[in-house]
N, C-alpha and C. Protein backbone atom coordinates (compact mmCIF):
# COMPACT_ATOMS: atom_id res chain seq x y z
N MET A 1 97.24 96.28 113.58
CA MET A 1 97.58 94.88 113.30
C MET A 1 98.24 94.78 111.92
N LEU A 2 99.36 94.08 111.87
CA LEU A 2 100.06 93.92 110.61
C LEU A 2 99.26 93.03 109.68
N ASN A 3 99.40 93.29 108.38
CA ASN A 3 98.70 92.49 107.38
C ASN A 3 99.34 91.11 107.30
N ALA A 4 98.58 90.08 107.69
CA ALA A 4 99.13 88.72 107.75
C ALA A 4 99.54 88.21 106.38
N MET A 5 98.93 88.73 105.31
CA MET A 5 99.22 88.25 103.97
C MET A 5 100.23 89.12 103.23
N SER A 6 100.88 90.05 103.93
CA SER A 6 101.78 90.98 103.25
C SER A 6 102.97 90.28 102.60
N PHE A 7 103.32 89.08 103.09
CA PHE A 7 104.46 88.36 102.50
C PHE A 7 104.22 88.00 101.04
N LEU A 8 102.95 87.95 100.61
CA LEU A 8 102.66 87.62 99.21
C LEU A 8 103.03 88.76 98.27
N ARG A 9 103.29 89.94 98.82
CA ARG A 9 103.70 91.07 97.98
C ARG A 9 105.21 91.07 97.72
N ARG A 10 105.91 90.09 98.26
CA ARG A 10 107.35 90.03 98.05
C ARG A 10 107.66 89.86 96.56
N SER A 11 108.76 90.48 96.17
CA SER A 11 109.13 90.44 94.75
C SER A 11 109.60 89.06 94.31
N ASP A 12 109.92 88.17 95.27
CA ASP A 12 110.40 86.84 94.89
C ASP A 12 109.28 85.80 94.91
N ILE A 13 108.02 86.24 94.96
CA ILE A 13 106.88 85.32 94.90
C ILE A 13 106.01 85.68 93.71
N ALA A 14 105.72 84.71 92.87
CA ALA A 14 104.85 84.92 91.71
C ALA A 14 103.52 84.22 91.96
N ILE A 15 102.41 84.92 91.72
CA ILE A 15 101.07 84.37 91.93
C ILE A 15 100.32 84.34 90.61
N HIS A 16 99.71 83.20 90.31
CA HIS A 16 98.93 83.04 89.08
C HIS A 16 97.54 82.53 89.47
N THR A 17 96.52 83.00 88.78
CA THR A 17 95.15 82.59 89.09
C THR A 17 94.57 81.75 87.96
N ALA A 18 93.60 80.90 88.31
CA ALA A 18 92.95 80.03 87.35
C ALA A 18 91.46 79.99 87.64
N ALA A 19 90.65 79.82 86.58
CA ALA A 19 89.20 79.81 86.72
C ALA A 19 88.61 78.41 86.72
N THR A 20 89.37 77.43 86.22
CA THR A 20 88.89 76.04 86.18
C THR A 20 90.02 75.10 86.57
N ASN A 21 89.67 73.87 86.88
CA ASN A 21 90.70 72.88 87.21
C ASN A 21 91.59 72.57 86.02
N GLU A 22 91.02 72.63 84.82
CA GLU A 22 91.84 72.44 83.62
C GLU A 22 92.88 73.55 83.51
N ASP A 23 92.45 74.80 83.80
CA ASP A 23 93.40 75.92 83.78
C ASP A 23 94.50 75.73 84.82
N LEU A 24 94.12 75.23 86.00
CA LEU A 24 95.10 74.97 87.04
C LEU A 24 96.16 73.97 86.56
N LEU A 25 95.70 72.92 85.92
CA LEU A 25 96.62 71.88 85.45
C LEU A 25 97.57 72.43 84.41
N VAL A 26 97.02 73.19 83.45
CA VAL A 26 97.86 73.78 82.40
C VAL A 26 98.89 74.73 83.01
N LEU A 27 98.45 75.56 83.97
CA LEU A 27 99.36 76.50 84.62
C LEU A 27 100.46 75.76 85.38
N HIS A 28 100.09 74.69 86.05
CA HIS A 28 101.08 73.95 86.82
C HIS A 28 102.11 73.30 85.91
N VAL A 29 101.66 72.77 84.78
CA VAL A 29 102.61 72.18 83.81
C VAL A 29 103.57 73.25 83.31
N ASP A 30 103.05 74.46 83.10
CA ASP A 30 103.86 75.55 82.55
C ASP A 30 104.77 76.18 83.60
N LYS A 31 104.24 76.40 84.80
CA LYS A 31 104.97 77.16 85.82
C LYS A 31 105.68 76.29 86.85
N ASN A 32 105.31 75.02 86.93
CA ASN A 32 105.88 74.13 87.95
C ASN A 32 105.75 74.77 89.33
N ALA A 33 104.51 75.00 89.75
CA ALA A 33 104.21 75.74 90.97
C ALA A 33 104.72 75.03 92.22
N HIS A 34 104.97 75.82 93.25
CA HIS A 34 105.34 75.28 94.55
C HIS A 34 104.10 75.02 95.41
N LEU A 35 103.02 75.75 95.14
CA LEU A 35 101.79 75.61 95.93
C LEU A 35 100.57 75.84 95.05
N ILE A 36 99.57 75.00 95.23
CA ILE A 36 98.27 75.18 94.59
C ILE A 36 97.23 75.34 95.69
N THR A 37 96.50 76.44 95.66
CA THR A 37 95.40 76.65 96.58
C THR A 37 94.11 76.62 95.78
N THR A 38 93.20 75.70 96.10
CA THR A 38 91.99 75.55 95.31
C THR A 38 90.83 75.14 96.21
N HIS A 39 89.65 74.92 95.61
CA HIS A 39 88.48 74.51 96.37
C HIS A 39 87.68 73.51 95.54
N PRO A 40 86.91 72.63 96.19
CA PRO A 40 86.23 71.54 95.47
C PRO A 40 85.20 71.99 94.45
N ALA A 41 84.67 73.21 94.60
CA ALA A 41 83.61 73.66 93.70
C ALA A 41 84.13 74.33 92.44
N LEU A 42 85.44 74.31 92.22
CA LEU A 42 85.99 74.95 91.02
C LEU A 42 85.47 74.22 89.78
N PRO A 43 85.01 74.95 88.75
CA PRO A 43 84.48 74.32 87.53
C PRO A 43 85.52 73.43 86.84
N GLY A 44 85.01 72.53 86.02
CA GLY A 44 85.89 71.65 85.26
C GLY A 44 85.92 70.25 85.84
N MET A 45 87.03 69.58 85.64
CA MET A 45 87.16 68.22 86.14
C MET A 45 87.03 68.20 87.66
N ALA A 46 86.68 67.06 88.20
CA ALA A 46 86.52 66.92 89.64
C ALA A 46 87.85 67.17 90.35
N CYS A 47 87.76 67.73 91.55
CA CYS A 47 88.96 68.07 92.30
C CYS A 47 89.83 66.85 92.59
N ASP A 48 89.20 65.72 92.94
CA ASP A 48 89.99 64.53 93.22
C ASP A 48 90.68 64.00 91.97
N SER A 49 90.05 64.19 90.80
CA SER A 49 90.68 63.77 89.54
C SER A 49 91.91 64.64 89.25
N LEU A 50 91.78 65.95 89.50
CA LEU A 50 92.91 66.86 89.30
C LEU A 50 94.08 66.46 90.19
N CYS A 51 93.80 66.21 91.46
CA CYS A 51 94.86 65.84 92.39
C CYS A 51 95.51 64.52 91.99
N ASP A 52 94.70 63.59 91.50
CA ASP A 52 95.23 62.28 91.09
C ASP A 52 96.18 62.42 89.91
N ILE A 53 95.82 63.27 88.94
CA ILE A 53 96.68 63.51 87.77
C ILE A 53 97.99 64.13 88.21
N ILE A 54 97.91 65.12 89.10
CA ILE A 54 99.12 65.82 89.55
C ILE A 54 100.04 64.87 90.30
N ARG A 55 99.47 64.06 91.20
CA ARG A 55 100.31 63.18 92.01
C ARG A 55 100.94 62.04 91.20
N LYS A 56 100.39 61.74 90.04
CA LYS A 56 100.96 60.68 89.21
C LYS A 56 102.00 61.20 88.22
N GLY A 57 102.11 62.53 88.10
CA GLY A 57 103.07 63.10 87.16
C GLY A 57 104.42 63.33 87.82
N ASP A 58 105.47 62.74 87.27
CA ASP A 58 106.80 62.85 87.88
C ASP A 58 107.25 64.30 88.02
N SER A 59 106.91 65.14 87.06
CA SER A 59 107.36 66.53 87.10
C SER A 59 106.39 67.44 87.84
N MET A 60 105.25 66.89 88.28
CA MET A 60 104.22 67.73 88.90
C MET A 60 103.94 67.39 90.36
N LYS A 61 104.30 66.18 90.78
CA LYS A 61 103.78 65.66 92.04
C LYS A 61 104.36 66.30 93.30
N LYS A 62 105.48 67.03 93.17
CA LYS A 62 106.11 67.60 94.36
C LYS A 62 105.40 68.86 94.87
N VAL A 63 104.44 69.37 94.13
CA VAL A 63 103.74 70.58 94.52
C VAL A 63 102.92 70.35 95.80
N SER A 64 102.83 71.37 96.65
CA SER A 64 101.94 71.32 97.81
C SER A 64 100.56 71.78 97.37
N ILE A 65 99.53 71.12 97.90
CA ILE A 65 98.15 71.47 97.55
C ILE A 65 97.39 71.80 98.83
N LEU A 66 96.80 72.97 98.85
CA LEU A 66 95.98 73.42 99.97
C LEU A 66 94.54 73.52 99.49
N LEU A 67 93.65 72.75 100.12
CA LEU A 67 92.25 72.71 99.71
C LEU A 67 91.39 73.48 100.70
N LEU A 68 90.62 74.42 100.17
CA LEU A 68 89.68 75.20 100.97
C LEU A 68 88.27 74.71 100.68
N CYS A 69 87.60 74.16 101.66
CA CYS A 69 86.26 73.64 101.42
C CYS A 69 85.29 74.18 102.47
N ASP A 70 84.01 74.11 102.18
CA ASP A 70 83.03 74.55 103.17
C ASP A 70 82.69 73.39 104.10
N GLY A 71 81.77 73.62 105.00
CA GLY A 71 81.48 72.60 106.01
C GLY A 71 80.49 71.54 105.58
N SER A 72 80.07 71.54 104.31
CA SER A 72 79.10 70.55 103.86
C SER A 72 79.72 69.15 103.86
N SER A 73 78.87 68.15 104.11
CA SER A 73 79.36 66.77 104.15
C SER A 73 79.90 66.34 102.79
N ARG A 74 79.32 66.86 101.71
CA ARG A 74 79.76 66.50 100.36
C ARG A 74 81.20 66.97 100.12
N GLN A 75 81.47 68.24 100.44
CA GLN A 75 82.81 68.75 100.22
C GLN A 75 83.82 68.14 101.19
N GLN A 76 83.41 67.88 102.42
CA GLN A 76 84.31 67.26 103.37
C GLN A 76 84.70 65.85 102.92
N GLU A 77 83.74 65.12 102.36
CA GLU A 77 84.02 63.78 101.84
C GLU A 77 84.94 63.85 100.64
N LEU A 78 84.70 64.83 99.75
CA LEU A 78 85.57 65.01 98.59
C LEU A 78 86.99 65.34 99.03
N ALA A 79 87.11 66.18 100.04
CA ALA A 79 88.43 66.55 100.55
C ALA A 79 89.20 65.33 101.03
N ARG A 80 88.49 64.39 101.65
CA ARG A 80 89.15 63.17 102.13
C ARG A 80 89.65 62.29 100.99
N ARG A 81 89.04 62.41 99.82
CA ARG A 81 89.47 61.61 98.67
C ARG A 81 90.61 62.25 97.91
N CYS A 82 90.83 63.51 98.16
CA CYS A 82 91.89 64.22 97.43
C CYS A 82 93.23 64.05 98.13
N ASN A 83 94.25 63.81 97.36
CA ASN A 83 95.60 63.66 97.91
C ASN A 83 96.24 65.04 98.04
N VAL A 84 95.90 65.73 99.13
CA VAL A 84 96.38 67.10 99.33
C VAL A 84 97.23 67.16 100.59
N ASN A 85 97.95 68.27 100.74
CA ASN A 85 98.81 68.45 101.91
C ASN A 85 98.07 69.01 103.11
N ALA A 86 97.03 69.81 102.84
CA ALA A 86 96.30 70.42 103.95
C ALA A 86 94.89 70.78 103.49
N VAL A 87 93.97 70.74 104.44
CA VAL A 87 92.58 71.13 104.18
C VAL A 87 92.16 72.15 105.25
N LEU A 88 91.59 73.26 104.81
CA LEU A 88 91.05 74.26 105.73
C LEU A 88 89.57 74.45 105.39
N THR A 89 88.76 74.61 106.41
CA THR A 89 87.33 74.80 106.22
C THR A 89 86.98 76.28 106.26
N ARG A 90 86.28 76.73 105.23
CA ARG A 90 85.88 78.13 105.16
C ARG A 90 84.65 78.39 106.03
N PRO A 91 84.53 79.63 106.60
CA PRO A 91 85.47 80.74 106.47
C PRO A 91 86.76 80.49 107.27
N VAL A 92 87.88 80.93 106.71
CA VAL A 92 89.18 80.68 107.30
C VAL A 92 89.73 81.98 107.89
N ASP A 93 90.20 81.91 109.11
CA ASP A 93 90.85 83.05 109.73
C ASP A 93 92.09 83.43 108.91
N THR A 94 92.26 84.73 108.66
CA THR A 94 93.36 85.20 107.80
C THR A 94 94.71 84.76 108.33
N ALA A 95 94.92 84.88 109.63
CA ALA A 95 96.21 84.51 110.20
C ALA A 95 96.47 83.01 110.03
N THR A 96 95.43 82.19 110.20
CA THR A 96 95.58 80.75 110.02
C THR A 96 95.93 80.41 108.58
N PHE A 97 95.21 81.04 107.64
CA PHE A 97 95.48 80.81 106.22
C PHE A 97 96.89 81.24 105.85
N ALA A 98 97.30 82.43 106.32
CA ALA A 98 98.64 82.94 106.01
C ALA A 98 99.71 82.01 106.56
N GLY A 99 99.51 81.54 107.78
CA GLY A 99 100.49 80.64 108.38
C GLY A 99 100.62 79.34 107.62
N LYS A 100 99.49 78.80 107.15
CA LYS A 100 99.54 77.55 106.39
C LYS A 100 100.21 77.74 105.04
N VAL A 101 99.92 78.86 104.37
CA VAL A 101 100.55 79.14 103.08
C VAL A 101 102.06 79.27 103.25
N GLN A 102 102.49 80.00 104.27
CA GLN A 102 103.93 80.14 104.52
C GLN A 102 104.57 78.80 104.83
N GLU A 103 103.87 77.98 105.59
CA GLU A 103 104.40 76.66 105.92
C GLU A 103 104.57 75.81 104.67
N LEU A 104 103.57 75.79 103.80
CA LEU A 104 103.62 74.96 102.60
C LEU A 104 104.61 75.49 101.57
N LEU A 105 104.80 76.81 101.54
CA LEU A 105 105.80 77.39 100.65
C LEU A 105 107.19 77.36 101.27
N ASP A 106 107.25 76.97 102.54
CA ASP A 106 108.52 76.92 103.28
C ASP A 106 109.18 78.29 103.27
N ILE A 107 108.37 79.31 103.58
CA ILE A 107 108.86 80.69 103.62
C ILE A 107 108.76 81.19 105.06
N PRO A 108 109.87 81.50 105.69
CA PRO A 108 109.79 82.07 107.03
C PRO A 108 109.07 83.41 106.98
N PRO A 109 108.33 83.76 108.02
CA PRO A 109 107.68 85.08 108.04
C PRO A 109 108.70 86.17 107.83
N ARG A 110 108.35 87.15 107.00
CA ARG A 110 109.29 88.21 106.65
C ARG A 110 109.74 89.02 107.86
N HIS A 111 108.90 89.11 108.90
CA HIS A 111 109.31 89.91 110.05
C HIS A 111 110.51 89.31 110.76
N ALA A 112 110.86 88.04 110.44
CA ALA A 112 112.01 87.42 111.09
C ALA A 112 113.33 87.95 110.55
N TYR A 113 113.32 88.56 109.37
CA TYR A 113 114.55 89.06 108.77
C TYR A 113 114.77 90.51 109.13
N ARG A 114 115.90 90.81 109.73
CA ARG A 114 116.25 92.19 110.08
C ARG A 114 117.39 92.65 109.18
N VAL A 115 117.32 93.92 108.78
CA VAL A 115 118.37 94.49 107.96
C VAL A 115 118.91 95.73 108.66
N VAL A 116 120.16 96.03 108.41
CA VAL A 116 120.79 97.19 109.02
C VAL A 116 120.17 98.47 108.47
N LEU A 117 119.84 99.38 109.37
CA LEU A 117 119.27 100.67 108.96
C LEU A 117 119.70 101.71 109.99
N ASN A 118 120.84 102.35 109.73
CA ASN A 118 121.39 103.35 110.65
C ASN A 118 120.89 104.73 110.25
N ILE A 119 119.77 105.13 110.81
CA ILE A 119 119.16 106.41 110.47
C ILE A 119 118.57 107.05 111.73
N SER A 120 118.29 108.34 111.63
CA SER A 120 117.62 109.03 112.72
C SER A 120 116.12 108.73 112.67
N VAL A 121 115.54 108.60 113.84
CA VAL A 121 114.11 108.31 113.94
C VAL A 121 113.45 109.38 114.80
N GLU A 122 112.37 109.95 114.30
CA GLU A 122 111.57 110.87 115.10
C GLU A 122 110.60 110.06 115.94
N GLY A 123 110.68 110.19 117.25
CA GLY A 123 109.81 109.42 118.12
C GLY A 123 108.95 110.31 118.99
N VAL A 124 107.80 109.79 119.38
CA VAL A 124 106.89 110.49 120.27
C VAL A 124 106.39 109.50 121.32
N HIS A 125 106.51 109.90 122.60
CA HIS A 125 106.02 109.06 123.69
C HIS A 125 105.28 109.96 124.68
N ASN A 126 104.03 109.60 124.97
CA ASN A 126 103.20 110.44 125.85
C ASN A 126 103.15 111.89 125.37
N ASN A 127 103.02 112.04 124.05
CA ASN A 127 102.93 113.36 123.40
C ASN A 127 104.20 114.19 123.53
N ARG A 128 105.29 113.57 123.92
CA ARG A 128 106.57 114.26 124.02
C ARG A 128 107.55 113.68 123.00
N PRO A 129 108.27 114.55 122.29
CA PRO A 129 109.22 114.05 121.29
C PRO A 129 110.42 113.38 121.96
N ILE A 130 110.93 112.34 121.36
CA ILE A 130 112.14 111.67 121.83
C ILE A 130 113.11 111.56 120.67
N LEU A 131 114.39 111.65 120.97
CA LEU A 131 115.43 111.52 119.95
C LEU A 131 115.97 110.10 119.98
N CYS A 132 116.08 109.48 118.81
CA CYS A 132 116.60 108.12 118.77
C CYS A 132 117.18 107.83 117.39
N ASN A 133 117.99 106.80 117.34
CA ASN A 133 118.57 106.30 116.10
C ASN A 133 118.23 104.82 115.96
N SER A 134 118.02 104.39 114.74
CA SER A 134 117.73 102.97 114.51
C SER A 134 119.03 102.21 114.29
N GLU A 135 119.01 100.95 114.66
CA GLU A 135 120.15 100.07 114.40
C GLU A 135 119.80 99.03 113.35
N ASN A 136 118.60 98.49 113.43
CA ASN A 136 118.12 97.58 112.39
C ASN A 136 116.61 97.62 112.37
N VAL A 137 116.03 97.05 111.32
CA VAL A 137 114.58 97.10 111.15
C VAL A 137 114.10 95.84 110.45
N SER A 138 112.87 95.46 110.74
CA SER A 138 112.21 94.37 110.04
C SER A 138 110.78 94.81 109.79
N ALA A 139 110.00 93.97 109.14
CA ALA A 139 108.60 94.31 108.92
C ALA A 139 107.81 94.26 110.22
N GLY A 140 108.37 93.59 111.22
CA GLY A 140 107.67 93.46 112.48
C GLY A 140 108.08 94.44 113.55
N GLY A 141 109.24 95.09 113.37
CA GLY A 141 109.70 96.02 114.39
C GLY A 141 111.08 96.56 114.09
N MET A 142 111.63 97.29 115.04
CA MET A 142 112.96 97.87 114.85
C MET A 142 113.67 97.99 116.19
N LEU A 143 114.99 98.11 116.13
CA LEU A 143 115.82 98.31 117.30
C LEU A 143 116.35 99.73 117.26
N ILE A 144 116.10 100.48 118.34
CA ILE A 144 116.55 101.86 118.39
C ILE A 144 117.48 102.06 119.58
N SER A 145 118.28 103.11 119.52
CA SER A 145 119.08 103.54 120.67
C SER A 145 118.65 104.96 121.02
N THR A 146 118.50 105.24 122.31
CA THR A 146 117.98 106.54 122.73
C THR A 146 118.40 106.82 124.17
N ARG A 147 118.37 108.09 124.53
CA ARG A 147 118.59 108.49 125.92
C ARG A 147 117.28 108.76 126.64
N ALA A 148 116.18 108.56 125.94
CA ALA A 148 114.88 108.79 126.55
C ALA A 148 114.58 107.72 127.60
N ASN A 149 113.75 108.09 128.56
CA ASN A 149 113.38 107.17 129.64
C ASN A 149 112.20 106.32 129.18
N LEU A 150 112.49 105.17 128.59
CA LEU A 150 111.46 104.28 128.07
C LEU A 150 111.49 102.95 128.82
N SER A 151 110.33 102.33 128.90
CA SER A 151 110.21 101.05 129.60
C SER A 151 109.43 100.08 128.74
N ALA A 152 109.61 98.80 128.99
CA ALA A 152 108.84 97.78 128.28
C ALA A 152 107.35 98.02 128.50
N GLY A 153 106.58 97.95 127.41
CA GLY A 153 105.15 98.20 127.47
C GLY A 153 104.76 99.59 127.03
N ASP A 154 105.72 100.52 126.93
CA ASP A 154 105.41 101.88 126.47
C ASP A 154 104.99 101.87 125.01
N ARG A 155 104.06 102.72 124.66
CA ARG A 155 103.63 102.90 123.26
C ARG A 155 104.36 104.11 122.68
N VAL A 156 104.96 103.95 121.50
CA VAL A 156 105.68 105.04 120.86
C VAL A 156 105.22 105.20 119.42
N GLU A 157 105.34 106.41 118.92
CA GLU A 157 105.08 106.68 117.51
C GLU A 157 106.41 106.98 116.84
N CYS A 158 106.66 106.33 115.71
CA CYS A 158 107.94 106.47 115.02
C CYS A 158 107.72 107.04 113.62
N SER A 159 108.68 107.82 113.20
CA SER A 159 108.67 108.35 111.84
C SER A 159 110.11 108.37 111.34
N PHE A 160 110.34 107.73 110.18
CA PHE A 160 111.69 107.70 109.62
C PHE A 160 111.62 107.57 108.11
N TYR A 161 112.72 107.90 107.46
CA TYR A 161 112.80 107.88 106.01
C TYR A 161 113.63 106.69 105.55
N LEU A 162 113.10 105.95 104.60
CA LEU A 162 113.86 104.87 103.97
C LEU A 162 114.89 105.48 103.02
N PRO A 163 115.91 104.72 102.62
CA PRO A 163 116.94 105.26 101.72
C PRO A 163 116.40 105.84 100.42
N ASP A 164 115.23 105.36 99.96
CA ASP A 164 114.68 105.90 98.71
C ASP A 164 113.86 107.16 98.94
N GLY A 165 113.81 107.64 100.19
CA GLY A 165 113.10 108.87 100.49
C GLY A 165 111.68 108.69 100.98
N TYR A 166 111.19 107.44 101.02
CA TYR A 166 109.81 107.21 101.48
C TYR A 166 109.76 107.35 102.99
N ARG A 167 108.75 108.08 103.47
CA ARG A 167 108.59 108.28 104.91
C ARG A 167 107.66 107.22 105.49
N VAL A 168 108.18 106.48 106.45
CA VAL A 168 107.41 105.46 107.15
C VAL A 168 106.97 106.01 108.49
N LYS A 169 105.67 105.92 108.75
CA LYS A 169 105.13 106.30 110.05
C LYS A 169 104.46 105.07 110.65
N ALA A 170 104.84 104.75 111.89
CA ALA A 170 104.32 103.54 112.52
C ALA A 170 104.16 103.75 114.01
N THR A 171 103.23 103.01 114.58
CA THR A 171 103.03 102.98 116.04
C THR A 171 103.46 101.60 116.52
N GLY A 172 104.16 101.58 117.66
CA GLY A 172 104.62 100.31 118.16
C GLY A 172 104.76 100.29 119.67
N ASP A 173 105.00 99.11 120.21
CA ASP A 173 105.18 98.93 121.65
C ASP A 173 106.62 98.55 121.94
N ILE A 174 107.16 99.09 123.03
CA ILE A 174 108.49 98.70 123.49
C ILE A 174 108.37 97.31 124.12
N VAL A 175 109.13 96.36 123.60
CA VAL A 175 109.05 94.99 124.12
C VAL A 175 110.26 94.60 124.95
N ARG A 176 111.36 95.34 124.81
CA ARG A 176 112.52 95.07 125.65
C ARG A 176 113.41 96.32 125.70
N VAL A 177 114.12 96.48 126.81
CA VAL A 177 115.03 97.60 127.00
C VAL A 177 116.31 97.07 127.61
N THR A 178 117.45 97.40 127.00
CA THR A 178 118.76 97.00 127.54
C THR A 178 119.69 98.21 127.55
N VAL A 179 120.60 98.24 128.49
CA VAL A 179 121.57 99.33 128.57
C VAL A 179 122.61 99.16 127.47
N SER A 180 122.88 100.24 126.76
CA SER A 180 123.87 100.20 125.69
C SER A 180 125.27 100.09 126.27
N ALA A 181 126.07 99.21 125.71
CA ALA A 181 127.44 99.03 126.18
C ALA A 181 128.40 100.00 125.51
N SER A 182 127.93 100.70 124.47
CA SER A 182 128.83 101.56 123.70
C SER A 182 128.58 103.04 123.90
N ALA A 183 127.51 103.42 124.59
CA ALA A 183 127.19 104.84 124.77
C ALA A 183 126.64 105.07 126.17
N VAL A 184 127.15 106.11 126.83
CA VAL A 184 126.74 106.43 128.20
C VAL A 184 125.32 106.98 128.21
N ASN A 185 124.54 106.58 129.23
CA ASN A 185 123.17 107.06 129.41
C ASN A 185 122.26 106.74 128.21
N THR A 186 122.60 105.69 127.51
CA THR A 186 121.82 105.31 126.33
C THR A 186 121.28 103.89 126.51
N VAL A 187 120.04 103.70 126.08
CA VAL A 187 119.45 102.38 126.13
C VAL A 187 119.07 101.94 124.72
N ARG A 188 119.01 100.64 124.53
CA ARG A 188 118.57 100.06 123.26
C ARG A 188 117.20 99.47 123.48
N CYS A 189 116.25 99.87 122.64
CA CYS A 189 114.86 99.45 122.80
C CYS A 189 114.38 98.68 121.58
N GLY A 190 113.79 97.53 121.82
CA GLY A 190 113.17 96.78 120.74
C GLY A 190 111.71 97.18 120.62
N ILE A 191 111.30 97.60 119.44
CA ILE A 191 109.94 98.04 119.19
C ILE A 191 109.22 97.02 118.32
N ARG A 192 108.02 96.62 118.73
CA ARG A 192 107.18 95.77 117.90
C ARG A 192 106.10 96.64 117.27
N PHE A 193 106.10 96.73 115.93
CA PHE A 193 105.13 97.57 115.24
C PHE A 193 103.72 97.01 115.43
N GLN A 194 102.76 97.92 115.62
CA GLN A 194 101.36 97.55 115.76
C GLN A 194 100.50 98.10 114.63
N ALA A 195 100.87 99.23 114.07
CA ALA A 195 100.07 99.84 113.00
C ALA A 195 100.96 100.75 112.15
N PHE A 196 100.61 100.89 110.87
CA PHE A 196 101.34 101.73 109.94
C PHE A 196 100.39 102.77 109.33
N SER A 197 100.98 103.86 108.86
CA SER A 197 100.22 104.79 108.03
C SER A 197 99.99 104.12 106.67
N PRO A 198 98.97 104.56 105.91
CA PRO A 198 98.65 103.91 104.63
C PRO A 198 99.87 103.82 103.70
N GLY A 199 100.13 102.62 103.20
CA GLY A 199 101.22 102.39 102.26
C GLY A 199 102.58 102.17 102.90
N ALA A 200 102.71 102.48 104.19
CA ALA A 200 104.03 102.41 104.83
C ALA A 200 104.52 100.97 105.00
N GLU A 201 103.62 100.08 105.37
CA GLU A 201 104.03 98.69 105.57
C GLU A 201 104.55 98.08 104.27
N SER A 202 103.84 98.33 103.16
CA SER A 202 104.27 97.80 101.86
C SER A 202 105.63 98.35 101.47
N ALA A 203 105.86 99.64 101.71
CA ALA A 203 107.14 100.26 101.38
C ALA A 203 108.26 99.65 102.21
N LEU A 204 107.99 99.40 103.49
CA LEU A 204 109.01 98.82 104.36
C LEU A 204 109.33 97.39 103.94
N VAL A 205 108.30 96.59 103.64
CA VAL A 205 108.51 95.21 103.19
C VAL A 205 109.32 95.19 101.90
N ALA A 206 109.01 96.11 100.97
CA ALA A 206 109.74 96.17 99.70
C ALA A 206 111.21 96.50 99.94
N PHE A 207 111.48 97.43 100.86
CA PHE A 207 112.86 97.78 101.18
C PHE A 207 113.61 96.59 101.76
N ILE A 208 112.96 95.86 102.69
CA ILE A 208 113.60 94.70 103.30
C ILE A 208 113.87 93.62 102.26
N ASP A 209 112.91 93.40 101.37
CA ASP A 209 113.10 92.42 100.29
C ASP A 209 114.31 92.78 99.43
N GLN A 210 114.43 94.05 99.07
CA GLN A 210 115.55 94.49 98.23
C GLN A 210 116.88 94.27 98.93
N GLU A 211 116.92 94.55 100.22
CA GLU A 211 118.17 94.38 100.97
C GLU A 211 118.53 92.90 101.09
N ILE A 212 117.53 92.06 101.32
CA ILE A 212 117.79 90.63 101.45
C ILE A 212 118.27 90.05 100.12
N GLN A 213 117.63 90.48 99.04
CA GLN A 213 118.06 90.00 97.72
C GLN A 213 119.47 90.49 97.42
N ARG A 214 119.77 91.71 97.81
CA ARG A 214 121.11 92.25 97.57
C ARG A 214 122.16 91.45 98.32
N LEU A 215 121.80 90.93 99.46
CA LEU A 215 122.72 90.14 100.27
C LEU A 215 122.67 88.66 99.92
N ASN A 216 121.87 88.34 98.87
CA ASN A 216 121.75 86.95 98.40
C ASN A 216 121.22 86.02 99.49
N LEU A 217 120.24 86.51 100.26
CA LEU A 217 119.66 85.69 101.30
C LEU A 217 118.38 85.01 100.87
N THR A 218 117.91 85.29 99.68
CA THR A 218 116.67 84.66 99.22
C THR A 218 116.99 83.46 98.35
N GLY A 219 116.07 82.51 98.33
CA GLY A 219 116.24 81.30 97.54
C GLY A 219 115.55 81.42 96.21
N PRO A 220 115.25 80.28 95.56
CA PRO A 220 114.57 80.30 94.27
C PRO A 220 113.21 80.97 94.38
N ARG A 221 112.75 81.53 93.31
CA ARG A 221 111.47 82.24 93.27
C ARG A 221 110.31 81.27 93.40
N PRO A 222 109.55 81.32 94.54
CA PRO A 222 108.40 80.43 94.67
C PRO A 222 107.25 80.91 93.80
N SER A 223 106.39 80.00 93.39
CA SER A 223 105.20 80.38 92.65
C SER A 223 104.00 79.67 93.24
N ALA A 224 102.87 80.36 93.23
CA ALA A 224 101.64 79.80 93.78
C ALA A 224 100.52 79.96 92.78
N LEU A 225 99.70 78.94 92.65
CA LEU A 225 98.51 78.98 91.80
C LEU A 225 97.29 79.08 92.70
N VAL A 226 96.45 80.07 92.43
CA VAL A 226 95.27 80.31 93.25
C VAL A 226 94.02 80.19 92.40
N ALA A 227 93.06 79.39 92.84
CA ALA A 227 91.80 79.25 92.13
C ALA A 227 90.69 79.93 92.91
């Protein structure tokens, strides 16, 4: 399973932490954050007072606020008094939390961005090696061309080198197969990654980030404050 929070490791996202609501306010004034994630039990001024100050400040009020609270009636009532964009009750499923953070930061999931990567890929299917070349890659999968007999639903193991020499090893499922229009007896297979070797996912995400930045596809640097 891919790490749902891996997008926070992107080089165009800055994360700052705070120990009190006063610290949060000072950080927001200084950094002009795009997102504040906090909880009602944070020390210092009351959470609803913090939100009220932020929403009344012309230079501060545009920030998105995500409140994480427990199921107690006291915190639920406090959450209703706070002028926030979203409230999640702890414990929070990682995928749900990641999706809400991406939504509030207005960041599309990184796996949606594909970059060109024309390299040889070592593949294994049913313990048999297969020869293939990649056409593009994302954090969620890659498109390969091969003469191997593959079908949708097949599980394959992939190994390839990024331009900086880092070796990525991943396991994935074939999700679609189409006949190549440019090469005889060749098919193009879309692979959805399911698991990576240690460190490989981070290396792949970093490579994709670098390529996207090089192509000027990224916007302003988002910042998030976490309490």
